C-alpha atoms as a PDB file:
ATOM      1  CA  UNK A   1      89.943 116.077 128.477  1.00  0.00           C
ATOM      2  CA  UNK A   2      86.182 116.030 128.175  1.00  0.00           C
ATOM      3  CA  UNK A   3      86.479 112.907 126.018  1.00  0.00           C
ATOM      4  CA  UNK A   4      88.593 111.021 128.577  1.00  0.00           C
ATOM      5  CA  UNK A   5      87.009 108.173 130.489  1.00  0.00           C
ATOM      6  CA  UNK A   6      85.849 108.666 134.049  1.00  0.00           C
ATOM      7  CA  UNK A   7      88.669 108.103 136.530  1.00  0.00           C
ATOM      8  CA  UNK A   8      91.572 108.647 134.139  1.00  0.00           C
ATOM      9  CA  UNK A   9      94.803 109.834 135.718  1.00  0.00           C
ATOM     10  CA  UNK A  10      96.467 112.765 133.974  1.00  0.00           C
ATOM     11  CA  UNK A  11     100.084 113.603 134.624  1.00  0.00           C
ATOM     12  CA  UNK A  12     102.893 115.433 132.905  1.00  0.00           C
ATOM     13  CA  UNK A  13     105.968 113.386 132.050  1.00  0.00           C
ATOM     14  CA  UNK A  14     107.383 116.174 129.891  1.00  0.00           C
ATOM     15  CA  UNK A  15     109.790 118.974 130.487  1.00  0.00           C
ATOM     16  CA  UNK A  16     107.681 122.068 131.087  1.00  0.00           C
ATOM     17  CA  UNK A  17     104.549 123.254 132.818  1.00  0.00           C
ATOM     18  CA  UNK A  18     102.747 124.062 129.564  1.00  0.00           C
ATOM     19  CA  UNK A  19     102.056 120.573 128.236  1.00  0.00           C
ATOM     20  CA  UNK A  20      98.703 120.247 130.022  1.00  0.00           C
ATOM     21  CA  UNK A  21      96.315 123.171 129.596  1.00  0.00           C
ATOM     22  CA  UNK A  22      95.345 123.425 133.260  1.00  0.00           C
ATOM     23  CA  UNK A  23      94.059 126.984 132.804  1.00  0.00           C
ATOM     24  CA  UNK A  24      91.202 125.695 130.617  1.00  0.00           C
ATOM     25  CA  UNK A  25      90.175 123.349 133.446  1.00  0.00           C
ATOM     26  CA  UNK A  26      89.726 126.203 135.914  1.00  0.00           C
ATOM     27  CA  UNK A  27      86.213 127.181 134.902  1.00  0.00           C
ATOM     28  CA  UNK A  28      82.987 127.582 136.875  1.00  0.00           C
ATOM     29  CA  UNK A  29      81.656 124.488 135.064  1.00  0.00           C
ATOM     30  CA  UNK A  30      84.276 122.216 136.629  1.00  0.00           C
ATOM     31  CA  UNK A  31      84.740 121.528 140.321  1.00  0.00           C
ATOM     32  CA  UNK A  32      88.204 120.949 141.766  1.00  0.00           C
ATOM     33  CA  UNK A  33      88.503 118.685 144.787  1.00  0.00           C
ATOM     34  CA  UNK A  34      91.856 118.364 146.562  1.00  0.00           C
ATOM     35  CA  UNK A  35      92.367 114.679 147.398  1.00  0.00           C
ATOM     36  CA  UNK A  36      95.747 115.205 149.011  1.00  0.00           C
ATOM     37  CA  UNK A  37      98.834 117.251 148.331  1.00  0.00           C
ATOM     38  CA  UNK A  38      99.547 117.267 144.567  1.00  0.00           C
ATOM     39  CA  UNK A  39      96.456 115.174 143.732  1.00  0.00           C
ATOM     40  CA  UNK A  40      93.207 116.799 142.550  1.00  0.00           C
ATOM     41  CA  UNK A  41      89.946 115.473 141.186  1.00  0.00           C
ATOM     42  CA  UNK A  42      88.446 117.594 138.436  1.00  0.00           C
ATOM     43  CA  UNK A  43      84.737 116.915 138.358  1.00  0.00           C
ATOM     44  CA  UNK A  44      82.339 117.613 135.491  1.00  0.00           C
ATOM     45  CA  UNK A  45      78.656 118.420 136.026  1.00  0.00           C
ATOM     46  CA  UNK A  46      77.634 114.898 134.979  1.00  0.00           C
ATOM     47  CA  UNK A  47      79.803 113.403 137.750  1.00  0.00           C
ATOM     48  CA  UNK A  48      82.707 112.354 135.545  1.00  0.00           C
ATOM     49  CA  UNK A  49      86.061 113.018 137.127  1.00  0.00           C
ATOM     50  CA  UNK A  50      89.707 112.837 136.195  1.00  0.00           C
ATOM     51  CA  UNK A  51      92.635 112.724 138.567  1.00  0.00           C
ATOM     52  CA  UNK A  52      95.194 115.463 137.896  1.00  0.00           C
ATOM     53  CA  UNK A  53      98.643 115.089 139.424  1.00  0.00           C
ATOM     54  CA  UNK A  54     100.813 118.055 140.467  1.00  0.00           C
ATOM     55  CA  UNK A  55      98.374 120.523 138.870  1.00  0.00           C
ATOM     56  CA  UNK A  56      99.829 119.595 135.484  1.00  0.00           C
ATOM     57  CA  UNK A  57     103.433 120.169 136.474  1.00  0.00           C
ATOM     58  CA  UNK A  58     106.046 117.418 136.300  1.00  0.00           C
ATOM     59  CA  UNK A  59     104.756 114.157 137.758  1.00  0.00           C
ATOM     60  CA  UNK A  60     107.789 113.574 139.950  1.00  0.00           C
ATOM     61  CA  UNK A  61     106.667 116.583 141.999  1.00  0.00           C
ATOM     62  CA  UNK A  62     103.872 114.376 143.358  1.00  0.00           C
ATOM     63  CA  UNK A  63     106.292 112.395 145.459  1.00  0.00           C
ATOM     64  CA  UNK A  64     106.226 113.518 149.035  1.00  0.00           C
ATOM     65  CA  UNK A  65     109.926 112.875 149.201  1.00  0.00           C
ATOM     66  CA  UNK A  66     112.245 112.273 146.306  1.00  0.00           C
ATOM     67  CA  UNK A  67     115.386 110.366 147.250  1.00  0.00           C
ATOM     68  CA  UNK A  68     118.486 112.516 146.948  1.00  0.00           C
ATOM     69  CA  UNK A  69     120.025 109.804 144.766  1.00  0.00           C
ATOM     70  CA  UNK A  70     117.294 110.264 142.141  1.00  0.00           C
ATOM     71  CA  UNK A  71     117.720 114.032 142.305  1.00  0.00           C
ATOM     72  CA  UNK A  72     121.478 113.629 141.842  1.00  0.00           C
ATOM     73  CA  UNK A  73     121.141 111.342 138.811  1.00  0.00           C
ATOM     74  CA  UNK A  74     118.551 113.649 137.248  1.00  0.00           C
ATOM     75  CA  UNK A  75     120.562 116.817 137.883  1.00  0.00           C
ATOM     76  CA  UNK A  76     123.808 115.278 136.603  1.00  0.00           C
ATOM     77  CA  UNK A  77     122.112 114.056 133.440  1.00  0.00           C
ATOM     78  CA  UNK A  78     120.481 117.424 132.804  1.00  0.00           C
ATOM     79  CA  UNK A  79     123.732 119.280 133.473  1.00  0.00           C
ATOM     80  CA  UNK A  80     125.664 117.111 131.003  1.00  0.00           C
ATOM     81  CA  UNK A  81     122.931 117.537 128.386  1.00  0.00           C
ATOM     82  CA  UNK A  82     123.083 121.323 128.810  1.00  0.00           C
ATOM     83  CA  UNK A  83     126.871 121.287 128.515  1.00  0.00           C
ATOM     84  CA  UNK A  84     126.528 119.286 125.290  1.00  0.00           C
ATOM     85  CA  UNK A  85     123.998 121.789 123.893  1.00  0.00           C
ATOM     86  CA  UNK A  86     126.187 124.736 124.863  1.00  0.00           C
ATOM     87  CA  UNK A  87     129.356 123.272 123.346  1.00  0.00           C
ATOM     88  CA  UNK A  88     127.759 121.855 120.184  1.00  0.00           C
ATOM     89  CA  UNK A  89     128.263 123.593 116.841  1.00  0.00           C
ATOM     90  CA  UNK A  90     125.467 126.072 116.180  1.00  0.00           C
ATOM     91  CA  UNK A  91     123.307 123.965 113.845  1.00  0.00           C
ATOM     92  CA  UNK A  92     123.870 120.477 115.298  1.00  0.00           C
ATOM     93  CA  UNK A  93     120.587 120.490 117.210  1.00  0.00           C
ATOM     94  CA  UNK A  94     117.293 121.772 115.865  1.00  0.00           C
ATOM     95  CA  UNK A  95     114.391 122.577 118.187  1.00  0.00           C
ATOM     96  CA  UNK A  96     113.311 119.005 118.867  1.00  0.00           C
ATOM     97  CA  UNK A  97     113.321 116.249 121.472  1.00  0.00           C
ATOM     98  CA  UNK A  98     116.421 114.055 121.486  1.00  0.00           C
ATOM     99  CA  UNK A  99     117.355 110.866 123.284  1.00  0.00           C
ATOM    100  CA  UNK A 100     120.475 111.221 125.361  1.00  0.00           C
ATOM    101  CA  UNK A 101     123.402 109.246 124.024  1.00  0.00           C
ATOM    102  CA  UNK A 102     123.782 105.960 125.874  1.00  0.00           C
ATOM    103  CA  UNK A 103     127.400 106.844 126.657  1.00  0.00           C
ATOM    104  CA  UNK A 104     126.171 109.912 128.560  1.00  0.00           C
ATOM    105  CA  UNK A 105     123.650 107.862 130.560  1.00  0.00           C
ATOM    106  CA  UNK A 106     126.304 105.279 131.328  1.00  0.00           C
ATOM    107  CA  UNK A 107     128.750 107.997 132.394  1.00  0.00           C
ATOM    108  CA  UNK A 108     126.200 109.430 134.845  1.00  0.00           C
ATOM    109  CA  UNK A 109     125.548 105.916 136.150  1.00  0.00           C
ATOM    110  CA  UNK A 110     129.277 105.370 136.633  1.00  0.00           C
ATOM    111  CA  UNK A 111     129.503 108.578 138.672  1.00  0.00           C
ATOM    112  CA  UNK A 112     126.902 107.180 141.056  1.00  0.00           C
ATOM    113  CA  UNK A 113     128.377 103.695 141.536  1.00  0.00           C
ATOM    114  CA  UNK A 114     130.189 104.690 144.764  1.00  0.00           C
ATOM    115  CA  UNK A 115     126.761 105.310 146.316  1.00  0.00           C
ATOM    116  CA  UNK A 116     126.295 101.547 146.228  1.00  0.00           C
ATOM    117  CA  UNK A 117     129.940 100.781 146.974  1.00  0.00           C
ATOM    118  CA  UNK A 118     130.059  99.273 143.485  1.00  0.00           C
ATOM    119  CA  UNK A 119     132.567  99.322 140.665  1.00  0.00           C
ATOM    120  CA  UNK A 120     132.640  98.110 137.088  1.00  0.00           C
ATOM    121  CA  UNK A 121     135.087  95.690 135.639  1.00  0.00           C
ATOM    122  CA  UNK A 122     136.171  95.803 132.020  1.00  0.00           C
ATOM    123  CA  UNK A 123     134.781  93.258 129.587  1.00  0.00           C
ATOM    124  CA  UNK A 124     137.250  90.756 128.249  1.00  0.00           C
ATOM    125  CA  UNK A 125     137.635  90.513 124.478  1.00  0.00           C
ATOM    126  CA  UNK A 126     135.730  87.231 124.581  1.00  0.00           C
ATOM    127  CA  UNK A 127     132.831  88.727 126.593  1.00  0.00           C
ATOM    128  CA  UNK A 128     132.593  91.769 124.311  1.00  0.00           C
ATOM    129  CA  UNK A 129     132.537  89.551 121.224  1.00  0.00           C
ATOM    130  CA  UNK A 130     129.884  87.245 122.711  1.00  0.00           C
ATOM    131  CA  UNK A 131     127.669  90.210 123.675  1.00  0.00           C
ATOM    132  CA  UNK A 132     128.326  92.049 120.425  1.00  0.00           C
ATOM    133  CA  UNK A 133     129.505  95.132 122.322  1.00  0.00           C
ATOM    134  CA  UNK A 134     132.447  97.469 122.296  1.00  0.00           C
ATOM    135  CA  UNK A 135     134.586  96.898 125.393  1.00  0.00           C
ATOM    136  CA  UNK A 136     134.147 100.541 126.440  1.00  0.00           C
ATOM    137  CA  UNK A 137     130.411 100.758 125.724  1.00  0.00           C
ATOM    138  CA  UNK A 138     127.744 101.699 125.220  1.00  0.00           C
ATOM    139  CA  UNK A 139     126.557  98.523 126.878  1.00  0.00           C
ATOM    140  CA  UNK A 140     122.980  98.422 125.607  1.00  0.00           C
ATOM    141  CA  UNK A 141     121.792  97.877 122.021  1.00  0.00           C
ATOM    142  CA  UNK A 142     120.419 100.847 120.064  1.00  0.00           C
ATOM    143  CA  UNK A 143     116.805  99.700 120.444  1.00  0.00           C
ATOM    144  CA  UNK A 144     117.085  99.719 124.251  1.00  0.00           C
ATOM    145  CA  UNK A 145     115.488 102.775 125.879  1.00  0.00           C
ATOM    146  CA  UNK A 146     116.777 103.850 129.272  1.00  0.00           C
END
């Protein structure tokens, strides 16, 4: 982090608390200044500073309040992913990072439609053909990242 430009914001968008080596930043040579809850300036002797969010933990912890809807979508997605890992044949998944299948994302989204008093209609054959989609999804092309 010494090579980062002054004023850079550092946050963790990963899945664990070990992706940013915060321990190495807690030295007598660096000063920590709490800006507000979950936001710290780490200041070098030459005056350079970086902004560290959530002390290197997941960035969404910086929000003073996370809407319950977001928590619900996140928890449902994680639960379904864990169920998939648990039920998968032993060697299907290696230790790696995987994108969730679009069908799983769309299923979680469908579970949350009542929150908005919304419902989906089924594509007609003509609509599906025009869009180049299967009538039952997934509804985004493979290159699309949720």
